[in-house]
Amino acid sequence: MTRLLESIRIIGPASAALLLLAVNPAAQAWQSSPEKQMVRTERVTYADLDLSRQADAQVLLGRIKKAAYRACGGDPRRHPTYTLTPRRTEMAFKDCREDAIARAIGSIDAPVLSQARLQPAGN
């Protein structure tokens, strides 16, 4: 059923993978309550990256964004609610992605990654 997501979990250090938790954007689009429904997780690996380096932090940020896109349902225009409430559906998907990205970044102790999110891509 529905659960309020509290935090993102890290799988073990040996796996060096991050579970990206997503909430159901359709539920956000149609529900007036603040409760969120967990629908999917995506694994994001970063064992190959040195998160003290800006370039590697940008690579991980890109991976997190792609995983958030997938976990939050992909393209909102393909969701059934889009035809009835396109703006609300797009906002629900966007909110889901932003929440998932923030949770993933917050769960990793890497200041360079947090800074990378605030900087425009390519800087």
C-alpha atoms as a PDB file:
ATOM      1  CA  MET A   1       0.000   0.000   0.000  1.00  0.00           C
ATOM      2  CA  THR A   2       1.296   3.488   0.676  1.00  0.00           C
ATOM      3  CA  ARG A   3       4.306   4.317   2.799  1.00  0.00           C
ATOM      4  CA  LEU A   4       6.071   7.542   3.547  1.00  0.00           C
ATOM      5  CA  LEU A   5       9.622   7.188   2.334  1.00  0.00           C
ATOM      6  CA  GLU A   6      12.088   8.208   5.000  1.00  0.00           C
ATOM      7  CA  SER A   7      15.526   7.620   3.552  1.00  0.00           C
ATOM      8  CA  ILE A   8      17.534   5.906   0.921  1.00  0.00           C
ATOM      9  CA  ARG A   9      19.561   2.866   1.861  1.00  0.00           C
ATOM     10  CA  ILE A  10      23.016   1.868   0.771  1.00  0.00           C
ATOM     11  CA  ILE A  11      23.456  -1.836  -0.024  1.00  0.00           C
ATOM     12  CA  GLY A  12      26.760  -3.050   1.465  1.00  0.00           C
ATOM     13  CA  PRO A  13      30.115  -1.442   0.855  1.00  0.00           C
ATOM     14  CA  ALA A  14      31.250  -4.463  -1.149  1.00  0.00           C
ATOM     15  CA  SER A  15      28.502  -3.950  -3.706  1.00  0.00           C
ATOM     16  CA  ALA A  16      29.156  -0.207  -3.901  1.00  0.00           C
ATOM     17  CA  ALA A  17      25.643   0.279  -5.181  1.00  0.00           C
ATOM     18  CA  LEU A  18      23.011   2.762  -4.255  1.00  0.00           C
ATOM     19  CA  LEU A  19      19.327   2.018  -4.243  1.00  0.00           C
ATOM     20  CA  LEU A  20      17.395   4.924  -5.594  1.00  0.00           C
ATOM     21  CA  LEU A  21      13.902   4.918  -4.142  1.00  0.00           C
ATOM     22  CA  ALA A  22      11.143   6.420  -6.172  1.00  0.00           C
ATOM     23  CA  VAL A  23       7.585   7.308  -5.462  1.00  0.00           C
ATOM     24  CA  ASN A  24       4.664   6.740  -7.747  1.00  0.00           C
ATOM     25  CA  PRO A  25       4.191   9.954  -9.744  1.00  0.00           C
ATOM     26  CA  ALA A  26       0.674   8.944 -10.748  1.00  0.00           C
ATOM     27  CA  ALA A  27      -0.271   8.677  -7.095  1.00  0.00           C
ATOM     28  CA  GLN A  28       1.141  12.159  -6.551  1.00  0.00           C
ATOM     29  CA  ALA A  29      -0.806  13.485  -9.520  1.00  0.00           C
ATOM     30  CA  TRP A  30      -4.153  12.161  -8.297  1.00  0.00           C
ATOM     31  CA  GLN A  31      -3.857  12.119  -4.512  1.00  0.00           C
ATOM     32  CA  SER A  32      -4.349  15.200  -2.417  1.00  0.00           C
ATOM     33  CA  SER A  33      -2.672  13.582   0.589  1.00  0.00           C
ATOM     34  CA  PRO A  34       1.077  14.016   1.118  1.00  0.00           C
ATOM     35  CA  GLU A  35       1.622  10.254   1.362  1.00  0.00           C
ATOM     36  CA  LYS A  36       3.815   8.724  -1.290  1.00  0.00           C
ATOM     37  CA  GLN A  37       3.725   5.246  -2.703  1.00  0.00           C
ATOM     38  CA  MET A  38       7.005   3.444  -3.341  1.00  0.00           C
ATOM     39  CA  VAL A  39       6.970   1.852  -6.746  1.00  0.00           C
ATOM     40  CA  ARG A  40      10.499   1.051  -7.770  1.00  0.00           C
ATOM     41  CA  THR A  41      14.185   1.055  -6.952  1.00  0.00           C
ATOM     42  CA  GLU A  42      17.133   1.494  -9.269  1.00  0.00           C
ATOM     43  CA  ARG A  43      20.670   0.422  -8.552  1.00  0.00           C
ATOM     44  CA  VAL A  44      23.383   2.990  -9.237  1.00  0.00           C
ATOM     45  CA  THR A  45      26.950   1.768  -9.051  1.00  0.00           C
ATOM     46  CA  TYR A  46      29.853   4.044  -8.277  1.00  0.00           C
ATOM     47  CA  ALA A  47      32.661   1.721  -7.192  1.00  0.00           C
ATOM     48  CA  ASP A  48      34.587   2.790 -10.286  1.00  0.00           C
ATOM     49  CA  LEU A  49      34.494   6.488  -9.306  1.00  0.00           C
ATOM     50  CA  ASP A  50      36.609   8.666  -7.025  1.00  0.00           C
ATOM     51  CA  LEU A  51      34.029  10.958  -5.432  1.00  0.00           C
ATOM     52  CA  SER A  52      36.684  13.442  -4.331  1.00  0.00           C
ATOM     53  CA  ARG A  53      37.099  14.376  -8.012  1.00  0.00           C
ATOM     54  CA  GLN A  54      34.652  16.797  -9.633  1.00  0.00           C
ATOM     55  CA  ALA A  55      34.581  14.893 -12.933  1.00  0.00           C
ATOM     56  CA  ASP A  56      33.674  11.615 -11.219  1.00  0.00           C
ATOM     57  CA  ALA A  57      31.028  13.349  -9.109  1.00  0.00           C
ATOM     58  CA  GLN A  58      29.454  14.650 -12.334  1.00  0.00           C
ATOM     59  CA  VAL A  59      29.476  11.117 -13.766  1.00  0.00           C
ATOM     60  CA  LEU A  60      27.700   9.790 -10.670  1.00  0.00           C
ATOM     61  CA  LEU A  61      25.211  12.651 -10.755  1.00  0.00           C
ATOM     62  CA  GLY A  62      24.377  11.742 -14.343  1.00  0.00           C
ATOM     63  CA  ARG A  63      23.854   8.109 -13.352  1.00  0.00           C
ATOM     64  CA  ILE A  64      21.606   9.146 -10.456  1.00  0.00           C
ATOM     65  CA  LYS A  65      19.525  11.395 -12.722  1.00  0.00           C
ATOM     66  CA  LYS A  66      19.060   8.619 -15.282  1.00  0.00           C
ATOM     67  CA  ALA A  67      18.081   6.157 -12.561  1.00  0.00           C
ATOM     68  CA  ALA A  68      15.620   8.672 -11.094  1.00  0.00           C
ATOM     69  CA  TYR A  69      14.059   9.126 -14.534  1.00  0.00           C
ATOM     70  CA  ARG A  70      13.568   5.363 -14.884  1.00  0.00           C
ATOM     71  CA  ALA A  71      12.436   4.831 -11.287  1.00  0.00           C
ATOM     72  CA  CYS A  72       9.883   7.620 -11.518  1.00  0.00           C
ATOM     73  CA  GLY A  73       8.171   6.249 -14.592  1.00  0.00           C
ATOM     74  CA  GLY A  74      10.159   7.679 -17.473  1.00  0.00           C
ATOM     75  CA  ASP A  75       8.302  10.008 -19.823  1.00  0.00           C
ATOM     76  CA  PRO A  76       5.199  11.503 -18.172  1.00  0.00           C
ATOM     77  CA  ARG A  77       3.552  11.903 -21.593  1.00  0.00           C
ATOM     78  CA  ARG A  78       3.208   8.120 -21.746  1.00  0.00           C
ATOM     79  CA  HIS A  79       1.259   7.957 -18.488  1.00  0.00           C
ATOM     80  CA  PRO A  80      -2.550   7.619 -18.691  1.00  0.00           C
ATOM     81  CA  THR A  81      -3.115  10.679 -16.489  1.00  0.00           C
ATOM     82  CA  TYR A  82      -1.251  12.908 -18.945  1.00  0.00           C
ATOM     83  CA  THR A  83      -4.201  13.264 -21.315  1.00  0.00           C
ATOM     84  CA  LEU A  84      -6.465  14.537 -18.519  1.00  0.00           C
ATOM     85  CA  THR A  85      -4.004  16.595 -16.467  1.00  0.00           C
ATOM     86  CA  PRO A  86      -0.754  17.074 -18.374  1.00  0.00           C
ATOM     87  CA  ARG A  87       0.691  19.845 -16.206  1.00  0.00           C
ATOM     88  CA  ARG A  88      -0.098  18.045 -12.957  1.00  0.00           C
ATOM     89  CA  THR A  89       1.295  14.763 -14.280  1.00  0.00           C
ATOM     90  CA  GLU A  90       4.527  16.433 -15.434  1.00  0.00           C
ATOM     91  CA  MET A  91       4.919  18.115 -12.040  1.00  0.00           C
ATOM     92  CA  ALA A  92       4.351  14.823 -10.211  1.00  0.00           C
ATOM     93  CA  PHE A  93       7.028  13.090 -12.295  1.00  0.00           C
ATOM     94  CA  LYS A  94       9.416  16.031 -11.815  1.00  0.00           C
ATOM     95  CA  ASP A  95       8.812  16.077  -8.042  1.00  0.00           C
ATOM     96  CA  CYS A  96       9.435  12.331  -7.903  1.00  0.00           C
ATOM     97  CA  ARG A  97      12.736  12.674  -9.775  1.00  0.00           C
ATOM     98  CA  GLU A  98      13.929  15.597  -7.656  1.00  0.00           C
ATOM     99  CA  ASP A  99      13.027  13.758  -4.437  1.00  0.00           C
ATOM    100  CA  ALA A 100      14.815  10.593  -5.576  1.00  0.00           C
ATOM    101  CA  ILE A 101      17.918  12.559  -6.630  1.00  0.00           C
ATOM    102  CA  ALA A 102      18.028  14.460  -3.340  1.00  0.00           C
ATOM    103  CA  ARG A 103      17.664  11.237  -1.330  1.00  0.00           C
ATOM    104  CA  ALA A 104      20.407   9.516  -3.286  1.00  0.00           C
ATOM    105  CA  ILE A 105      22.829  12.429  -2.938  1.00  0.00           C
ATOM    106  CA  GLY A 106      21.978  12.847   0.725  1.00  0.00           C
ATOM    107  CA  SER A 107      22.772   9.215   1.417  1.00  0.00           C
ATOM    108  CA  ILE A 108      26.306   9.490   0.039  1.00  0.00           C
ATOM    109  CA  ASP A 109      28.924  11.280   2.124  1.00  0.00           C
ATOM    110  CA  ALA A 110      30.552  13.158  -0.748  1.00  0.00           C
ATOM    111  CA  PRO A 111      30.584  16.970  -0.573  1.00  0.00           C
ATOM    112  CA  VAL A 112      31.834  17.177  -4.163  1.00  0.00           C
ATOM    113  CA  LEU A 113      28.700  15.309  -5.298  1.00  0.00           C
ATOM    114  CA  SER A 114      26.456  17.725  -3.398  1.00  0.00           C
ATOM    115  CA  GLN A 115      28.282  20.646  -5.029  1.00  0.00           C
ATOM    116  CA  ALA A 116      28.022  19.020  -8.469  1.00  0.00           C
ATOM    117  CA  ARG A 117      24.244  19.077  -8.258  1.00  0.00           C
ATOM    118  CA  LEU A 118      24.270  22.824  -7.653  1.00  0.00           C
ATOM    119  CA  GLN A 119      26.566  23.579 -10.584  1.00  0.00           C
ATOM    120  CA  PRO A 120      25.407  23.726 -14.206  1.00  0.00           C
ATOM    121  CA  ALA A 121      26.508  20.748 -16.289  1.00  0.00           C
ATOM    122  CA  GLY A 122      29.871  21.176 -17.953  1.00  0.00           C
ATOM    123  CA  ASN A 123      31.389  23.358 -15.198  1.00  0.00           C
END
